[in-house]
Protein backbone atom coordinates (compact mmCIF):
# COMPACT_ATOMS: atom_id res chain seq x y z
CA MET A 1 -8.55 13.61 6.81
CA ARG A 2 -5.99 14.13 4.74
CA ILE A 3 -4.86 10.73 2.82
CA ALA A 4 -1.45 10.83 1.02
CA VAL A 5 -1.55 7.82 -1.63
CA PHE A 6 1.98 6.83 -2.91
CA SER A 7 3.04 4.89 -5.97
CA THR A 8 0.35 6.56 -8.01
CA LYS A 9 0.02 5.80 -11.44
CA LYS A 10 -3.01 7.14 -14.15
CA TRP A 11 -4.94 3.62 -13.19
CA VAL A 12 -5.19 4.82 -9.61
CA ARG A 13 -5.73 8.19 -10.05
CA GLU A 14 -8.83 7.31 -11.91
CA SER A 15 -10.18 4.39 -9.92
CA PHE A 16 -9.74 6.56 -6.86
CA ASP A 17 -10.95 9.61 -7.86
CA ALA A 18 -13.94 7.66 -9.30
CA LYS A 19 -14.86 5.91 -5.71
CA ALA A 20 -13.52 8.75 -3.52
CA GLY A 21 -16.67 9.96 -2.28
CA GLU A 22 -16.92 12.49 0.67
CA PHE A 23 -12.84 12.10 0.72
CA ALA A 24 -12.35 13.26 -2.50
CA SER A 25 -10.61 16.69 -1.65
CA ALA A 26 -8.84 14.67 0.93
CA LEU A 27 -6.51 13.11 -1.38
CA THR A 28 -3.21 14.12 -2.44
CA TYR A 29 -0.95 11.65 -5.22
CA PHE A 30 2.31 11.48 -5.62
CA ASP A 31 4.22 9.35 -8.16
CA ALA A 32 7.01 8.89 -5.75
CA LYS A 33 7.42 5.16 -3.85
CA LEU A 34 6.93 5.86 0.17
CA GLY A 35 9.77 4.69 1.32
CA PRO A 36 12.67 6.82 4.18
CA ASP A 37 13.46 9.43 1.43
CA THR A 38 9.96 10.06 1.06
CA ALA A 39 8.20 9.67 4.29
CA VAL A 40 8.28 13.41 5.06
CA LEU A 41 5.78 13.59 1.68
CA ALA A 42 3.38 12.84 4.10
CA ARG A 43 3.16 15.67 6.31
CA GLU A 44 0.26 17.28 7.37
CA HIS A 45 -1.65 14.14 6.44
CA ASP A 46 -3.71 11.93 8.80
CA ALA A 47 -3.59 8.71 6.79
CA VAL A 48 -0.84 7.15 3.92
CA CYS A 49 -2.33 4.92 1.19
CA ALA A 50 0.45 2.87 -0.02
CA PHE A 51 1.22 -0.19 -2.32
CA VAL A 52 3.00 -3.68 -2.77
CA ASN A 53 6.45 -2.69 -3.10
CA ASP A 54 6.48 0.47 -1.47
CA ASP A 55 9.02 0.12 2.20
CA VAL A 56 6.74 0.34 4.91
CA GLY A 57 9.60 -0.72 7.46
CA THR A 58 10.31 0.39 10.86
CA GLU A 59 12.18 3.25 9.84
CA VAL A 60 9.45 4.79 7.93
CA ILE A 61 6.87 3.96 10.24
CA ASP A 62 8.57 6.35 12.75
CA LYS A 63 9.41 9.02 10.36
CA LEU A 64 5.36 8.75 9.40
CA ALA A 65 4.43 8.59 13.11
CA ASP A 66 6.74 11.44 13.46
CA GLU A 67 4.58 12.95 11.06
CA GLY A 68 1.47 12.74 13.08
CA VAL A 69 0.02 10.08 10.28
CA LYS A 70 -2.37 7.50 12.36
CA ILE A 71 -3.35 4.97 9.55
CA VAL A 72 -1.21 2.85 6.72
CA ALA A 73 -3.87 1.93 4.14
CA MET A 74 -2.29 -1.00 1.91
CA ARG A 75 -4.49 -1.20 -1.42
CA CYS A 76 -3.45 -4.93 -1.32
CA ALA A 77 -3.80 -8.10 -0.25
CA GLY A 78 -0.29 -8.36 1.28
CA PHE A 79 1.28 -6.39 3.92
CA ASN A 80 4.92 -8.12 4.29
CA ASN A 81 6.74 -4.84 3.55
CA VAL A 82 4.80 -3.11 6.44
CA ASP A 83 6.59 -3.47 10.01
CA VAL A 84 3.04 -4.10 11.83
CA LYS A 85 4.43 -4.36 15.25
CA ARG A 86 6.28 -1.36 15.05
CA ALA A 87 3.28 0.96 13.59
CA THR A 88 1.15 -0.70 16.52
CA GLU A 89 3.76 0.61 19.32
CA ARG A 90 3.57 3.94 17.26
CA GLY A 91 -0.58 4.30 17.27
CA ILE A 92 -0.76 3.93 13.76
CA ALA A 93 -3.55 1.21 12.11
CA VAL A 94 -2.77 -0.74 9.17
CA VAL A 95 -5.70 -1.96 6.86
CA ARG A 96 -5.42 -3.90 3.78
CA VAL A 97 -7.75 -4.96 0.89
CA PRO A 98 -7.72 -8.57 1.58
CA ALA A 99 -9.56 -9.82 -1.75
CA TYR A 100 -10.23 -7.50 -4.38
CA SER A 101 -10.82 -10.23 -7.23
CA PRO A 102 -9.54 -13.47 -7.18
CA TYR A 103 -11.05 -14.42 -10.59
CA ALA A 104 -8.30 -11.92 -12.18
CA VAL A 105 -5.51 -13.89 -10.29
CA ALA A 106 -6.53 -16.99 -10.74
CA GLU A 107 -7.25 -16.72 -14.27
CA HIS A 108 -4.13 -14.79 -15.06
CA ALA A 109 -2.24 -17.92 -13.79
CA LEU A 110 -4.57 -19.85 -16.14
CA GLY A 111 -3.69 -17.69 -19.27
CA LEU A 112 0.52 -18.15 -18.11
CA ILE A 113 0.03 -21.70 -18.42
CA LEU A 114 -1.98 -21.92 -21.61
CA THR A 115 0.19 -19.42 -22.91
CA LEU A 116 3.86 -21.60 -22.15
CA ASN A 117 2.26 -24.79 -23.10
CA ARG A 118 1.02 -23.55 -26.35
CA ARG A 119 3.38 -20.61 -27.30
CA PHE A 120 0.97 -18.21 -27.99
CA HIS A 121 3.61 -15.58 -27.61
CA ARG A 122 6.12 -16.76 -30.03
CA SER A 123 3.87 -17.93 -32.38
CA TYR A 124 1.97 -14.83 -32.77
CA ALA A 125 5.82 -13.23 -33.30
CA ARG A 126 6.07 -15.63 -35.71
CA VAL A 127 2.74 -14.86 -37.51
CA ARG A 128 3.45 -11.56 -37.72
CA ASP A 129 6.85 -11.83 -39.22
CA GLY A 130 5.29 -13.97 -42.00
CA ASN A 131 6.59 -17.44 -40.18
CA PHE A 132 4.11 -20.17 -40.57
CA VAL A 133 6.12 -23.17 -39.28
CA LEU A 134 5.26 -25.04 -36.50
CA ASP A 135 8.29 -26.16 -35.41
CA GLY A 136 9.02 -25.12 -31.98
CA LEU A 137 5.44 -25.19 -30.92
CA LEU A 138 4.23 -28.79 -29.99
CA GLY A 139 2.33 -28.47 -26.26
CA PHE A 140 0.30 -30.48 -24.45
CA ASP A 141 -3.10 -31.90 -23.62
CA LEU A 142 -3.70 -30.37 -20.11
CA HIS A 143 -6.35 -33.06 -19.59
CA GLY A 144 -5.12 -35.60 -17.50
CA LYS A 145 -2.09 -33.42 -16.28
CA THR A 146 -1.77 -33.53 -12.56
CA ILE A 147 -1.67 -29.62 -10.93
CA GLY A 148 0.00 -28.94 -7.33
CA VAL A 149 -1.75 -25.77 -6.13
CA ILE A 150 0.06 -24.43 -3.01
CA GLY A 151 -2.20 -22.47 -1.21
CA THR A 152 -6.11 -23.05 -1.22
CA GLY A 153 -7.28 -19.59 -0.15
CA ARG A 154 -10.01 -17.62 -2.06
CA ILE A 155 -7.56 -17.13 -5.11
CA GLY A 156 -6.41 -20.79 -4.90
CA ARG A 157 -10.17 -22.20 -4.40
CA VAL A 158 -10.84 -20.21 -8.14
CA PHE A 159 -7.75 -21.71 -9.72
CA VAL A 160 -8.83 -25.03 -9.11
CA ASP A 161 -12.76 -24.71 -10.77
CA LEU A 162 -10.74 -23.29 -13.55
CA VAL A 163 -8.12 -26.31 -14.28
CA SER A 164 -10.92 -28.49 -13.06
CA GLY A 165 -12.55 -27.98 -16.72
CA PHE A 166 -9.88 -29.12 -18.15
CA GLY A 167 -10.02 -32.19 -16.96
CA CYS A 168 -7.38 -32.22 -14.53
CA ARG A 169 -6.35 -34.31 -11.64
CA VAL A 170 -5.33 -31.77 -8.27
CA LEU A 171 -3.16 -31.93 -5.65
CA ALA A 172 -2.78 -29.21 -3.03
CA HIS A 173 -0.90 -28.16 0.14
CA ASP A 174 -2.20 -25.86 2.70
CA PRO A 175 -0.79 -25.51 6.50
CA TYR A 176 -4.94 -25.22 7.09
CA PRO A 177 -6.70 -27.56 4.72
CA ASN A 178 -10.09 -27.12 4.03
CA GLU A 179 -11.14 -30.98 3.77
CA ALA A 180 -15.11 -30.54 3.27
CA TRP A 181 -14.10 -28.59 0.04
CA ALA A 182 -11.29 -30.29 -1.27
CA THR A 183 -13.91 -33.19 -0.65
CA GLU A 184 -16.53 -31.60 -2.38
CA LYS A 185 -14.49 -30.09 -5.38
CA GLY A 186 -11.87 -34.11 -5.42
CA VAL A 187 -8.94 -32.38 -4.78
CA THR A 188 -6.18 -34.51 -2.89
CA TYR A 189 -4.48 -32.62 0.20
CA ALA A 190 -0.27 -33.36 -0.02
CA THR A 191 2.58 -32.69 1.58
CA LEU A 192 5.31 -30.30 -0.15
CA GLU A 193 7.12 -33.56 -1.25
CA GLN A 194 4.52 -35.24 -2.67
CA LEU A 195 3.33 -32.35 -4.50
CA TYR A 196 6.58 -31.47 -5.86
CA ALA A 197 7.16 -35.20 -7.33
CA GLU A 198 4.12 -35.55 -8.76
CA SER A 199 2.69 -32.59 -10.48
CA ASP A 200 3.38 -31.56 -14.14
CA ILE A 201 1.73 -27.97 -12.82
CA ILE A 202 2.68 -26.07 -9.41
CA ASN A 203 0.97 -23.72 -9.17
CA LEU A 204 1.59 -20.52 -6.69
CA HIS A 205 -1.37 -18.99 -4.54
CA CYS A 206 0.01 -18.93 -1.23
CA PRO A 207 0.98 -15.35 1.14
CA LEU A 208 4.09 -14.63 1.77
CA THR A 209 5.28 -15.57 5.55
CA HIS A 210 8.51 -16.66 7.33
CA GLY A 211 7.04 -20.49 6.32
CA THR A 212 6.28 -19.54 2.57
CA TYR A 213 10.23 -17.72 1.78
CA HIS A 214 11.73 -19.37 -0.65
CA ILE A 215 9.15 -22.45 -0.74
CA ILE A 216 10.23 -22.72 -4.01
CA ASN A 217 14.15 -23.69 -3.50
CA THR A 218 17.13 -26.19 -4.26
CA TYR A 219 15.93 -28.60 -2.60
CA ALA A 220 12.01 -28.42 -4.25
CA VAL A 221 13.28 -28.06 -7.79
CA ARG A 222 15.17 -30.90 -7.42
CA SER A 223 12.36 -32.79 -6.13
CA MET A 224 10.26 -32.16 -9.16
CA LYS A 225 9.33 -33.85 -12.38
CA LYS A 226 11.67 -33.40 -15.59
CA GLY A 227 9.94 -30.56 -17.25
CA VAL A 228 7.49 -29.55 -14.58
CA MET A 229 6.08 -26.12 -14.91
CA ILE A 230 6.00 -23.64 -12.43
CA ILE A 231 3.94 -20.61 -11.82
CA ASN A 232 3.81 -18.14 -9.74
CA THR A 233 1.10 -15.01 -9.39
CA SER A 234 1.58 -14.38 -5.38
CA ARG A 235 4.51 -13.08 -4.07
CA GLY A 236 7.96 -12.81 -5.62
CA PRO A 237 10.18 -14.37 -2.98
CA LEU A 238 8.53 -17.72 -3.30
CA ILE A 239 10.94 -18.50 -5.10
CA ASP A 240 14.19 -18.82 -4.62
CA THR A 241 15.38 -17.26 -8.56
CA ASP A 242 19.01 -18.59 -8.27
CA ALA A 243 17.85 -22.20 -8.21
CA VAL A 244 14.69 -22.25 -10.63
CA ILE A 245 17.26 -20.85 -13.27
CA ASP A 246 19.56 -23.89 -12.25
CA GLY A 247 16.78 -26.12 -12.54
CA LEU A 248 16.22 -24.32 -16.57
CA LYS A 249 19.22 -25.05 -17.28
CA LYS A 250 19.59 -28.56 -16.18
CA GLY A 251 15.92 -29.20 -18.10
CA ILE A 252 13.89 -29.82 -14.75
CA VAL A 253 11.96 -26.67 -14.71
CA GLY A 254 10.54 -26.73 -18.10
CA TYR A 255 8.15 -23.88 -17.99
CA LEU A 256 8.65 -21.08 -15.76
CA GLY A 257 5.61 -18.59 -15.80
CA LEU A 258 6.07 -15.41 -13.52
CA ASP A 259 3.72 -12.48 -12.55
CA VAL A 260 6.07 -11.82 -9.40
CA TYR A 261 9.69 -11.77 -9.51
CA GLU A 262 11.99 -11.51 -6.13
CA GLU A 263 13.58 -8.28 -6.30
CA GLU A 264 10.75 -6.18 -8.49
CA GLY A 265 10.65 -3.39 -6.14
CA ASP A 266 12.83 -1.82 -8.23
CA LEU A 267 12.00 -2.25 -11.68
CA PHE A 268 7.86 -3.06 -11.91
CA PHE A 269 5.04 -0.70 -12.72
CA GLU A 270 7.88 1.50 -13.98
CA ASP A 271 9.17 2.02 -17.87
CA PHE A 272 12.81 1.11 -18.56
CA SER A 273 12.33 0.60 -22.34
CA ASP A 274 15.32 3.03 -23.24
CA GLN A 275 17.74 1.91 -20.17
CA VAL A 276 19.72 -1.13 -19.63
CA ILE A 277 18.22 -3.46 -16.46
CA GLN A 278 20.81 -3.46 -14.02
CA ASP A 279 19.29 -6.30 -12.52
CA ASP A 280 21.39 -9.54 -13.92
CA THR A 281 19.49 -12.45 -12.61
CA PHE A 282 15.96 -10.82 -14.14
CA VAL A 283 18.03 -10.24 -17.73
CA ARG A 284 19.15 -13.27 -17.35
CA LEU A 285 15.69 -14.77 -16.81
CA GLN A 286 14.92 -13.12 -19.47
CA THR A 287 17.32 -15.16 -22.13
CA PHE A 288 15.17 -18.96 -21.85
CA PRO A 289 12.71 -19.22 -24.18
CA ASN A 290 10.58 -20.95 -21.76
CA VAL A 291 10.54 -18.57 -19.34
CA LEU A 292 7.66 -15.99 -19.29
CA ILE A 293 7.40 -12.90 -17.38
CA THR A 294 4.49 -10.46 -16.70
CA ALA A 295 4.95 -7.11 -14.78
CA HIS A 296 2.93 -8.32 -11.57
CA GLN A 297 -0.30 -7.17 -13.66
CA ALA A 298 -2.55 -10.41 -12.69
CA PHE A 299 -5.14 -8.10 -10.36
CA PHE A 300 -5.24 -6.17 -13.14
CA THR A 301 -8.92 -6.04 -14.12
CA ARG A 302 -11.66 -3.25 -13.74
CA GLU A 303 -13.41 -5.30 -11.33
CA ALA A 304 -10.41 -5.84 -8.85
CA ILE A 305 -9.24 -1.81 -9.66
CA GLU A 306 -12.79 -0.96 -8.33
CA ASN A 307 -12.89 -3.19 -5.02
CA ILE A 308 -9.38 -1.77 -4.34
CA ALA A 309 -10.84 1.86 -4.38
CA GLU A 310 -13.99 0.80 -2.93
CA THR A 311 -12.84 -1.33 -0.23
CA THR A 312 -9.19 1.63 0.83
CA PHE A 313 -11.66 4.20 1.11
CA GLN A 314 -14.59 2.08 3.30
CA ASN A 315 -11.74 0.99 5.43
CA LEU A 316 -10.09 4.64 5.99
CA ARG A 317 -14.20 5.08 6.62
CA GLU A 318 -14.06 2.67 9.50
CA VAL A 319 -10.96 3.93 11.09
CA ARG A 320 -11.25 7.54 11.64
CA ASP A 321 -14.77 6.68 12.56
CA SER A 322 -14.54 3.43 14.95
CA GLY A 323 -10.82 3.59 15.55
CA THR A 324 -10.55 0.28 13.90
CA SER A 325 -11.73 -1.72 10.35
CA GLN A 326 -12.86 -5.29 9.68
CA ASN A 327 -9.84 -5.06 7.26
CA ALA A 328 -7.15 -4.40 9.72
CA VAL A 329 -3.94 -6.06 9.85
CA PRO A 330 -3.68 -7.79 13.78
CA GLU A 331 0.06 -7.22 15.29
């Protein structure tokens, strides 16, 4: 089996080389993203390994199938960028890494909350410049605040464990509520309307689906408490960026922490430090002093990277040997 690995960076090569085992000589690394113009690079490969911002849509699936590719191995949990139906029609198995480290993402979300609240980033910059004034750095106690968690899968549940230690009230929303867990943890499931209206902090831990696309929209923002904090470490399109910018301008959104961005595909994981960023919406977000953006790094811990590599190779091994995998993405 030959495997074409797209969107590779130094950390991808290092983690994959360390865990490749019998696949060590089968890997071909490409810096390029997978897309219509680069799918041809998969020629003479049996599988491709792709990441969150690669394009594995209908056109790419057809080109991969024409090149003889039989497996698409996503080294991430999300697969909204994959035309799974078309892959099935063309005889391509799609597998993913459903859980690598829920702690990594949940802890990053908590880090965004604490940093935005207590202005660690602004305080650090001031002290570096010899400025020890506290004006503008006033935060609030997390204790006693209401935190709304949208999505109570693995990551959402770990996040609840973390914030429970601060003495927070937790409202949750999920189309598939885990009532036994909620009772044990003292969590209250609520409608989105109640969660929007009562939460001091809203944290997104849900997948991107037709139902969750722009779950934070103009209506949602207008329903929220004045000064609400919104945190998104899941998928960029969960948030209607224009609606949130309007909320920031009106003072409804008091804090915004993003590890993902609606149009991140052309930005994240690349170095544009010596260029003018052409995404006007992203640049506008950066002008707000109460917005903190990290570049899709919530997953980026040693433990998570090791788990991603191990699970990816296990998925490939299972499909090679039996034609399917426990982590196969259903059509």
